[in-house]
Amino acid sequence: ISIGGDAGYAAGFGTVIGPGLAGEE
């Protein structure tokens, strides 16, 4: 999971917040 990305003219990339999770989590 990453958070904080954005699209458009002010586009930016999200930041990964931690290790991968199982799908059910």
mmCIF file of all heavy atoms, coordinates in Angstrom:
data_MODEL
# 
_entry.id   MODEL 
# 
loop_
_atom_site.group_PDB 
_atom_site.id 
_atom_site.type_symbol 
_atom_site.label_atom_id 
_atom_site.label_alt_id 
_atom_site.label_comp_id 
_atom_site.label_asym_id 
_atom_site.label_entity_id 
_atom_site.label_seq_id 
_atom_site.pdbx_PDB_ins_code 
_atom_site.Cartn_x 
_atom_site.Cartn_y 
_atom_site.Cartn_z 
_atom_site.occupancy 
_atom_site.B_iso_or_equiv 
_atom_site.pdbx_formal_charge 
_atom_site.auth_seq_id 
_atom_site.auth_comp_id 
_atom_site.auth_asym_id 
_atom_site.auth_atom_id 
_atom_site.pdbx_PDB_model_num 
ATOM 1   N N   . ILE A 1 1  ? 0.842  -1.200  0.000   1.00 0.00 ? 1  ILE A N   1 
ATOM 2   C CA  . ILE A 1 1  ? 0.000  0.000   0.000   1.00 0.00 ? 1  ILE A CA  1 
ATOM 3   C C   . ILE A 1 1  ? 0.874  1.245   0.000   1.00 0.00 ? 1  ILE A C   1 
ATOM 4   O O   . ILE A 1 1  ? 1.833  1.359   0.768   1.00 0.00 ? 1  ILE A O   1 
ATOM 5   C CB  . ILE A 1 1  ? -0.925 0.018   1.229   1.00 0.00 ? 1  ILE A CB  1 
ATOM 6   C CG1 . ILE A 1 1  ? -1.862 -1.195  1.213   1.00 0.00 ? 1  ILE A CG1 1 
ATOM 7   C CG2 . ILE A 1 1  ? -1.750 1.311   1.266   1.00 0.00 ? 1  ILE A CG2 1 
ATOM 8   C CD1 . ILE A 1 1  ? -2.758 -1.293  2.431   1.00 0.00 ? 1  ILE A CD1 1 
ATOM 9   N N   . SER A 1 2  ? 0.526  2.185   -0.864  1.00 0.00 ? 2  SER A N   1 
ATOM 10  C CA  . SER A 1 2  ? 1.162  3.505   -0.856  1.00 0.00 ? 2  SER A CA  1 
ATOM 11  C C   . SER A 1 2  ? 0.085  4.557   -0.679  1.00 0.00 ? 2  SER A C   1 
ATOM 12  O O   . SER A 1 2  ? -1.079 4.341   -1.028  1.00 0.00 ? 2  SER A O   1 
ATOM 13  C CB  . SER A 1 2  ? 1.938  3.752   -2.154  1.00 0.00 ? 2  SER A CB  1 
ATOM 14  O OG  . SER A 1 2  ? 1.078  3.688   -3.285  1.00 0.00 ? 2  SER A OG  1 
ATOM 15  N N   . ILE A 1 3  ? 0.457  5.692   -0.127  1.00 0.00 ? 3  ILE A N   1 
ATOM 16  C CA  . ILE A 1 3  ? -0.507 6.771   0.077   1.00 0.00 ? 3  ILE A CA  1 
ATOM 17  C C   . ILE A 1 3  ? 0.109  8.098   -0.368  1.00 0.00 ? 3  ILE A C   1 
ATOM 18  O O   . ILE A 1 3  ? 1.336  8.254   -0.390  1.00 0.00 ? 3  ILE A O   1 
ATOM 19  C CB  . ILE A 1 3  ? -0.969 6.883   1.545   1.00 0.00 ? 3  ILE A CB  1 
ATOM 20  C CG1 . ILE A 1 3  ? 0.203  7.265   2.464   1.00 0.00 ? 3  ILE A CG1 1 
ATOM 21  C CG2 . ILE A 1 3  ? -1.623 5.592   2.012   1.00 0.00 ? 3  ILE A CG2 1 
ATOM 22  C CD1 . ILE A 1 3  ? -0.232 7.620   3.879   1.00 0.00 ? 3  ILE A CD1 1 
ATOM 23  N N   . GLY A 1 4  ? -0.764 9.034   -0.733  1.00 0.00 ? 4  GLY A N   1 
ATOM 24  C CA  . GLY A 1 4  ? -0.315 10.393  -1.014  1.00 0.00 ? 4  GLY A CA  1 
ATOM 25  C C   . GLY A 1 4  ? -0.038 10.700  -2.464  1.00 0.00 ? 4  GLY A C   1 
ATOM 26  O O   . GLY A 1 4  ? 0.435  11.798  -2.775  1.00 0.00 ? 4  GLY A O   1 
ATOM 27  N N   . GLY A 1 5  ? -0.322 9.770   -3.382  1.00 0.00 ? 5  GLY A N   1 
ATOM 28  C CA  . GLY A 1 5  ? -0.152 10.089  -4.794  1.00 0.00 ? 5  GLY A CA  1 
ATOM 29  C C   . GLY A 1 5  ? -1.243 11.036  -5.273  1.00 0.00 ? 5  GLY A C   1 
ATOM 30  O O   . GLY A 1 5  ? -2.283 11.192  -4.637  1.00 0.00 ? 5  GLY A O   1 
ATOM 31  N N   . ASP A 1 6  ? -1.001 11.663  -6.394  1.00 0.00 ? 6  ASP A N   1 
ATOM 32  C CA  . ASP A 1 6  ? -2.003 12.567  -6.960  1.00 0.00 ? 6  ASP A CA  1 
ATOM 33  C C   . ASP A 1 6  ? -1.783 12.663  -8.456  1.00 0.00 ? 6  ASP A C   1 
ATOM 34  O O   . ASP A 1 6  ? -0.661 12.481  -8.948  1.00 0.00 ? 6  ASP A O   1 
ATOM 35  C CB  . ASP A 1 6  ? -1.906 13.962  -6.329  1.00 0.00 ? 6  ASP A CB  1 
ATOM 36  C CG  . ASP A 1 6  ? -3.233 14.721  -6.374  1.00 0.00 ? 6  ASP A CG  1 
ATOM 37  O OD1 . ASP A 1 6  ? -4.221 14.158  -6.886  1.00 0.00 ? 6  ASP A OD1 1 
ATOM 38  O OD2 . ASP A 1 6  ? -3.273 15.868  -5.894  1.00 0.00 ? 6  ASP A OD2 1 
ATOM 39  N N   . ALA A 1 7  ? -2.845 12.939  -9.194  1.00 0.00 ? 7  ALA A N   1 
ATOM 40  C CA  . ALA A 1 7  ? -2.787 13.040  -10.650 1.00 0.00 ? 7  ALA A CA  1 
ATOM 41  C C   . ALA A 1 7  ? -2.990 14.491  -11.072 1.00 0.00 ? 7  ALA A C   1 
ATOM 42  O O   . ALA A 1 7  ? -3.060 15.394  -10.244 1.00 0.00 ? 7  ALA A O   1 
ATOM 43  C CB  . ALA A 1 7  ? -3.839 12.132  -11.278 1.00 0.00 ? 7  ALA A CB  1 
ATOM 44  N N   . GLY A 1 8  ? -3.081 14.725  -12.370 1.00 0.00 ? 8  GLY A N   1 
ATOM 45  C CA  . GLY A 1 8  ? -3.294 16.071  -12.879 1.00 0.00 ? 8  GLY A CA  1 
ATOM 46  C C   . GLY A 1 8  ? -2.005 16.854  -13.011 1.00 0.00 ? 8  GLY A C   1 
ATOM 47  O O   . GLY A 1 8  ? -0.900 16.318  -12.988 1.00 0.00 ? 8  GLY A O   1 
ATOM 48  N N   . TYR A 1 9  ? -2.129 18.178  -13.162 1.00 0.00 ? 9  TYR A N   1 
ATOM 49  C CA  . TYR A 1 9  ? -0.958 19.028  -13.339 1.00 0.00 ? 9  TYR A CA  1 
ATOM 50  C C   . TYR A 1 9  ? -0.044 18.994  -12.119 1.00 0.00 ? 9  TYR A C   1 
ATOM 51  O O   . TYR A 1 9  ? 1.162  19.177  -12.243 1.00 0.00 ? 9  TYR A O   1 
ATOM 52  C CB  . TYR A 1 9  ? -1.391 20.475  -13.607 1.00 0.00 ? 9  TYR A CB  1 
ATOM 53  C CG  . TYR A 1 9  ? -2.067 20.667  -14.941 1.00 0.00 ? 9  TYR A CG  1 
ATOM 54  C CD1 . TYR A 1 9  ? -3.341 21.230  -15.030 1.00 0.00 ? 9  TYR A CD1 1 
ATOM 55  C CD2 . TYR A 1 9  ? -1.443 20.308  -16.128 1.00 0.00 ? 9  TYR A CD2 1 
ATOM 56  C CE1 . TYR A 1 9  ? -3.972 21.423  -16.248 1.00 0.00 ? 9  TYR A CE1 1 
ATOM 57  C CE2 . TYR A 1 9  ? -2.061 20.496  -17.353 1.00 0.00 ? 9  TYR A CE2 1 
ATOM 58  C CZ  . TYR A 1 9  ? -3.328 21.047  -17.413 1.00 0.00 ? 9  TYR A CZ  1 
ATOM 59  O OH  . TYR A 1 9  ? -3.946 21.229  -18.626 1.00 0.00 ? 9  TYR A OH  1 
ATOM 60  N N   . ALA A 1 10 ? -0.611 18.749  -10.936 1.00 0.00 ? 10 ALA A N   1 
ATOM 61  C CA  . ALA A 1 10 ? 0.183  18.697  -9.712  1.00 0.00 ? 10 ALA A CA  1 
ATOM 62  C C   . ALA A 1 10 ? 0.479  17.260  -9.322  1.00 0.00 ? 10 ALA A C   1 
ATOM 63  O O   . ALA A 1 10 ? 0.513  16.912  -8.146  1.00 0.00 ? 10 ALA A O   1 
ATOM 64  C CB  . ALA A 1 10 ? -0.547 19.406  -8.575  1.00 0.00 ? 10 ALA A CB  1 
ATOM 65  N N   . ALA A 1 11 ? 0.728  16.406  -10.305 1.00 0.00 ? 11 ALA A N   1 
ATOM 66  C CA  . ALA A 1 11 ? 0.903  14.979  -10.061 1.00 0.00 ? 11 ALA A CA  1 
ATOM 67  C C   . ALA A 1 11 ? 2.074  14.713  -9.131  1.00 0.00 ? 11 ALA A C   1 
ATOM 68  O O   . ALA A 1 11 ? 3.081  15.432  -9.126  1.00 0.00 ? 11 ALA A O   1 
ATOM 69  C CB  . ALA A 1 11 ? 1.108  14.245  -11.378 1.00 0.00 ? 11 ALA A CB  1 
ATOM 70  N N   . GLY A 1 12 ? 1.945  13.665  -8.338  1.00 0.00 ? 12 GLY A N   1 
ATOM 71  C CA  . GLY A 1 12 ? 3.015  13.210  -7.458  1.00 0.00 ? 12 GLY A CA  1 
ATOM 72  C C   . GLY A 1 12 ? 2.806  11.748  -7.140  1.00 0.00 ? 12 GLY A C   1 
ATOM 73  O O   . GLY A 1 12 ? 1.705  11.208  -7.294  1.00 0.00 ? 12 GLY A O   1 
ATOM 74  N N   . PHE A 1 13 ? 3.872  11.088  -6.690  1.00 0.00 ? 13 PHE A N   1 
ATOM 75  C CA  . PHE A 1 13 ? 3.809  9.662   -6.427  1.00 0.00 ? 13 PHE A CA  1 
ATOM 76  C C   . PHE A 1 13 ? 3.582  9.388   -4.947  1.00 0.00 ? 13 PHE A C   1 
ATOM 77  O O   . PHE A 1 13 ? 4.063  10.114  -4.077  1.00 0.00 ? 13 PHE A O   1 
ATOM 78  C CB  . PHE A 1 13 ? 5.089  8.974   -6.892  1.00 0.00 ? 13 PHE A CB  1 
ATOM 79  C CG  . PHE A 1 13 ? 5.334  9.102   -8.367  1.00 0.00 ? 13 PHE A CG  1 
ATOM 80  C CD1 . PHE A 1 13 ? 6.561  9.525   -8.842  1.00 0.00 ? 13 PHE A CD1 1 
ATOM 81  C CD2 . PHE A 1 13 ? 4.328  8.816   -9.274  1.00 0.00 ? 13 PHE A CD2 1 
ATOM 82  C CE1 . PHE A 1 13 ? 6.783  9.657   -10.207 1.00 0.00 ? 13 PHE A CE1 1 
ATOM 83  C CE2 . PHE A 1 13 ? 4.536  8.941   -10.639 1.00 0.00 ? 13 PHE A CE2 1 
ATOM 84  C CZ  . PHE A 1 13 ? 5.764  9.364   -11.101 1.00 0.00 ? 13 PHE A CZ  1 
ATOM 85  N N   . GLY A 1 14 ? 2.863  8.307   -4.691  1.00 0.00 ? 14 GLY A N   1 
ATOM 86  C CA  . GLY A 1 14 ? 2.604  7.919   -3.321  1.00 0.00 ? 14 GLY A CA  1 
ATOM 87  C C   . GLY A 1 14 ? 3.824  7.314   -2.650  1.00 0.00 ? 14 GLY A C   1 
ATOM 88  O O   . GLY A 1 14 ? 4.829  6.984   -3.275  1.00 0.00 ? 14 GLY A O   1 
ATOM 89  N N   . THR A 1 15 ? 3.744  7.172   -1.331  1.00 0.00 ? 15 THR A N   1 
ATOM 90  C CA  . THR A 1 15 ? 4.809  6.617   -0.501  1.00 0.00 ? 15 THR A CA  1 
ATOM 91  C C   . THR A 1 15 ? 4.346  5.291   0.079   1.00 0.00 ? 15 THR A C   1 
ATOM 92  O O   . THR A 1 15 ? 3.267  5.201   0.667   1.00 0.00 ? 15 THR A O   1 
ATOM 93  C CB  . THR A 1 15 ? 5.146  7.582   0.647   1.00 0.00 ? 15 THR A CB  1 
ATOM 94  O OG1 . THR A 1 15 ? 5.555  8.832   0.105   1.00 0.00 ? 15 THR A OG1 1 
ATOM 95  C CG2 . THR A 1 15 ? 6.262  7.022   1.505   1.00 0.00 ? 15 THR A CG2 1 
ATOM 96  N N   . VAL A 1 16 ? 5.160  4.257   -0.089  1.00 0.00 ? 16 VAL A N   1 
ATOM 97  C CA  . VAL A 1 16 ? 4.842  2.950   0.472   1.00 0.00 ? 16 VAL A CA  1 
ATOM 98  C C   . VAL A 1 16 ? 4.906  3.030   1.991   1.00 0.00 ? 16 VAL A C   1 
ATOM 99  O O   . VAL A 1 16 ? 5.872  3.548   2.557   1.00 0.00 ? 16 VAL A O   1 
ATOM 100 C CB  . VAL A 1 16 ? 5.820  1.882   -0.054  1.00 0.00 ? 16 VAL A CB  1 
ATOM 101 C CG1 . VAL A 1 16 ? 5.556  0.540   0.630   1.00 0.00 ? 16 VAL A CG1 1 
ATOM 102 C CG2 . VAL A 1 16 ? 5.694  1.728   -1.556  1.00 0.00 ? 16 VAL A CG2 1 
ATOM 103 N N   . ILE A 1 17 ? 3.890  2.521   2.671   1.00 0.00 ? 17 ILE A N   1 
ATOM 104 C CA  . ILE A 1 17 ? 3.807  2.700   4.120   1.00 0.00 ? 17 ILE A CA  1 
ATOM 105 C C   . ILE A 1 17 ? 4.302  1.499   4.912   1.00 0.00 ? 17 ILE A C   1 
ATOM 106 O O   . ILE A 1 17 ? 4.438  1.601   6.138   1.00 0.00 ? 17 ILE A O   1 
ATOM 107 C CB  . ILE A 1 17 ? 2.371  3.043   4.560   1.00 0.00 ? 17 ILE A CB  1 
ATOM 108 C CG1 . ILE A 1 17 ? 1.403  1.903   4.238   1.00 0.00 ? 17 ILE A CG1 1 
ATOM 109 C CG2 . ILE A 1 17 ? 1.910  4.342   3.917   1.00 0.00 ? 17 ILE A CG2 1 
ATOM 110 C CD1 . ILE A 1 17 ? 0.018  2.097   4.828   1.00 0.00 ? 17 ILE A CD1 1 
ATOM 111 N N   . GLY A 1 18 ? 4.580  0.373   4.260   1.00 0.00 ? 18 GLY A N   1 
ATOM 112 C CA  . GLY A 1 18 ? 5.048  -0.768  5.027   1.00 0.00 ? 18 GLY A CA  1 
ATOM 113 C C   . GLY A 1 18 ? 5.059  -2.039  4.212   1.00 0.00 ? 18 GLY A C   1 
ATOM 114 O O   . GLY A 1 18 ? 4.849  -2.021  2.998   1.00 0.00 ? 18 GLY A O   1 
ATOM 115 N N   . PRO A 1 19 ? 5.299  -3.180  4.848   1.00 0.00 ? 19 PRO A N   1 
ATOM 116 C CA  . PRO A 1 19 ? 5.369  -4.467  4.147   1.00 0.00 ? 19 PRO A CA  1 
ATOM 117 C C   . PRO A 1 19 ? 4.035  -4.840  3.513   1.00 0.00 ? 19 PRO A C   1 
ATOM 118 O O   . PRO A 1 19 ? 2.970  -4.326  3.886   1.00 0.00 ? 19 PRO A O   1 
ATOM 119 C CB  . PRO A 1 19 ? 5.740  -5.460  5.261   1.00 0.00 ? 19 PRO A CB  1 
ATOM 120 C CG  . PRO A 1 19 ? 6.226  -4.639  6.398   1.00 0.00 ? 19 PRO A CG  1 
ATOM 121 C CD  . PRO A 1 19 ? 5.542  -3.319  6.293   1.00 0.00 ? 19 PRO A CD  1 
ATOM 122 N N   . GLY A 1 20 ? 4.114  -5.773  2.547   1.00 0.00 ? 20 GLY A N   1 
ATOM 123 C CA  . GLY A 1 20 ? 2.911  -6.246  1.883   1.00 0.00 ? 20 GLY A CA  1 
ATOM 124 C C   . GLY A 1 20 ? 1.975  -6.971  2.839   1.00 0.00 ? 20 GLY A C   1 
ATOM 125 O O   . GLY A 1 20 ? 2.400  -7.608  3.806   1.00 0.00 ? 20 GLY A O   1 
ATOM 126 N N   . LEU A 1 21 ? 0.673  -6.860  2.560   1.00 0.00 ? 21 LEU A N   1 
ATOM 127 C CA  . LEU A 1 21 ? -0.356 -7.501  3.381   1.00 0.00 ? 21 LEU A CA  1 
ATOM 128 C C   . LEU A 1 21 ? -1.037 -8.603  2.579   1.00 0.00 ? 21 LEU A C   1 
ATOM 129 O O   . LEU A 1 21 ? -1.116 -8.531  1.350   1.00 0.00 ? 21 LEU A O   1 
ATOM 130 C CB  . LEU A 1 21 ? -1.407 -6.479  3.811   1.00 0.00 ? 21 LEU A CB  1 
ATOM 131 C CG  . LEU A 1 21 ? -0.933 -5.272  4.624   1.00 0.00 ? 21 LEU A CG  1 
ATOM 132 C CD1 . LEU A 1 21 ? -2.087 -4.296  4.805   1.00 0.00 ? 21 LEU A CD1 1 
ATOM 133 C CD2 . LEU A 1 21 ? -0.371 -5.710  5.967   1.00 0.00 ? 21 LEU A CD2 1 
ATOM 134 N N   . ALA A 1 22 ? -1.557 -9.590  3.276   1.00 0.00 ? 22 ALA A N   1 
ATOM 135 C CA  . ALA A 1 22 ? -2.389 -10.598 2.632   1.00 0.00 ? 22 ALA A CA  1 
ATOM 136 C C   . ALA A 1 22 ? -3.672 -9.941  2.124   1.00 0.00 ? 22 ALA A C   1 
ATOM 137 O O   . ALA A 1 22 ? -4.147 -8.941  2.688   1.00 0.00 ? 22 ALA A O   1 
ATOM 138 C CB  . ALA A 1 22 ? -2.717 -11.710 3.615   1.00 0.00 ? 22 ALA A CB  1 
ATOM 139 N N   . GLY A 1 23 ? -4.232 -10.510 1.073   1.00 0.00 ? 23 GLY A N   1 
ATOM 140 C CA  . GLY A 1 23 ? -5.407 -9.907  0.459   1.00 0.00 ? 23 GLY A CA  1 
ATOM 141 C C   . GLY A 1 23 ? -6.540 -9.696  1.424   1.00 0.00 ? 23 GLY A C   1 
ATOM 142 O O   . GLY A 1 23 ? -7.222 -8.658  1.408   1.00 0.00 ? 23 GLY A O   1 
ATOM 143 N N   . GLU A 1 24 ? -6.763 -10.658 2.335   1.00 0.00 ? 24 GLU A N   1 
ATOM 144 C CA  . GLU A 1 24 ? -7.878 -10.531 3.277   1.00 0.00 ? 24 GLU A CA  1 
ATOM 145 C C   . GLU A 1 24 ? -7.654 -9.431  4.303   1.00 0.00 ? 24 GLU A C   1 
ATOM 146 O O   . GLU A 1 24 ? -8.610 -8.989  4.964   1.00 0.00 ? 24 GLU A O   1 
ATOM 147 C CB  . GLU A 1 24 ? -8.143 -11.859 3.982   1.00 0.00 ? 24 GLU A CB  1 
ATOM 148 C CG  . GLU A 1 24 ? -6.983 -12.410 4.788   1.00 0.00 ? 24 GLU A CG  1 
ATOM 149 C CD  . GLU A 1 24 ? -6.058 -13.313 3.984   1.00 0.00 ? 24 GLU A CD  1 
ATOM 150 O OE1 . GLU A 1 24 ? -6.092 -13.236 2.734   1.00 0.00 ? 24 GLU A OE1 1 
ATOM 151 O OE2 . GLU A 1 24 ? -5.310 -14.090 4.609   1.00 0.00 ? 24 GLU A OE2 1 
ATOM 152 N N   . GLU A 1 25 ? -6.418 -8.952  4.429   1.00 0.00 ? 25 GLU A N   1 
ATOM 153 C CA  . GLU A 1 25 ? -6.120 -7.880  5.381   1.00 0.00 ? 25 GLU A CA  1 
ATOM 154 C C   . GLU A 1 25 ? -6.305 -6.489  4.795   1.00 0.00 ? 25 GLU A C   1 
ATOM 155 O O   . GLU A 1 25 ? -6.412 -5.505  5.541   1.00 0.00 ? 25 GLU A O   1 
ATOM 156 C CB  . GLU A 1 25 ? -4.671 -8.010  5.873   1.00 0.00 ? 25 GLU A CB  1 
ATOM 157 C CG  . GLU A 1 25 ? -4.346 -9.277  6.625   1.00 0.00 ? 25 GLU A CG  1 
ATOM 158 C CD  . GLU A 1 25 ? -2.876 -9.364  6.992   1.00 0.00 ? 25 GLU A CD  1 
ATOM 159 O OE1 . GLU A 1 25 ? -2.028 -9.388  6.073   1.00 0.00 ? 25 GLU A OE1 1 
ATOM 160 O OE2 . GLU A 1 25 ? -2.577 -9.385  8.203   1.00 0.00 ? 25 GLU A OE2 1 
# 
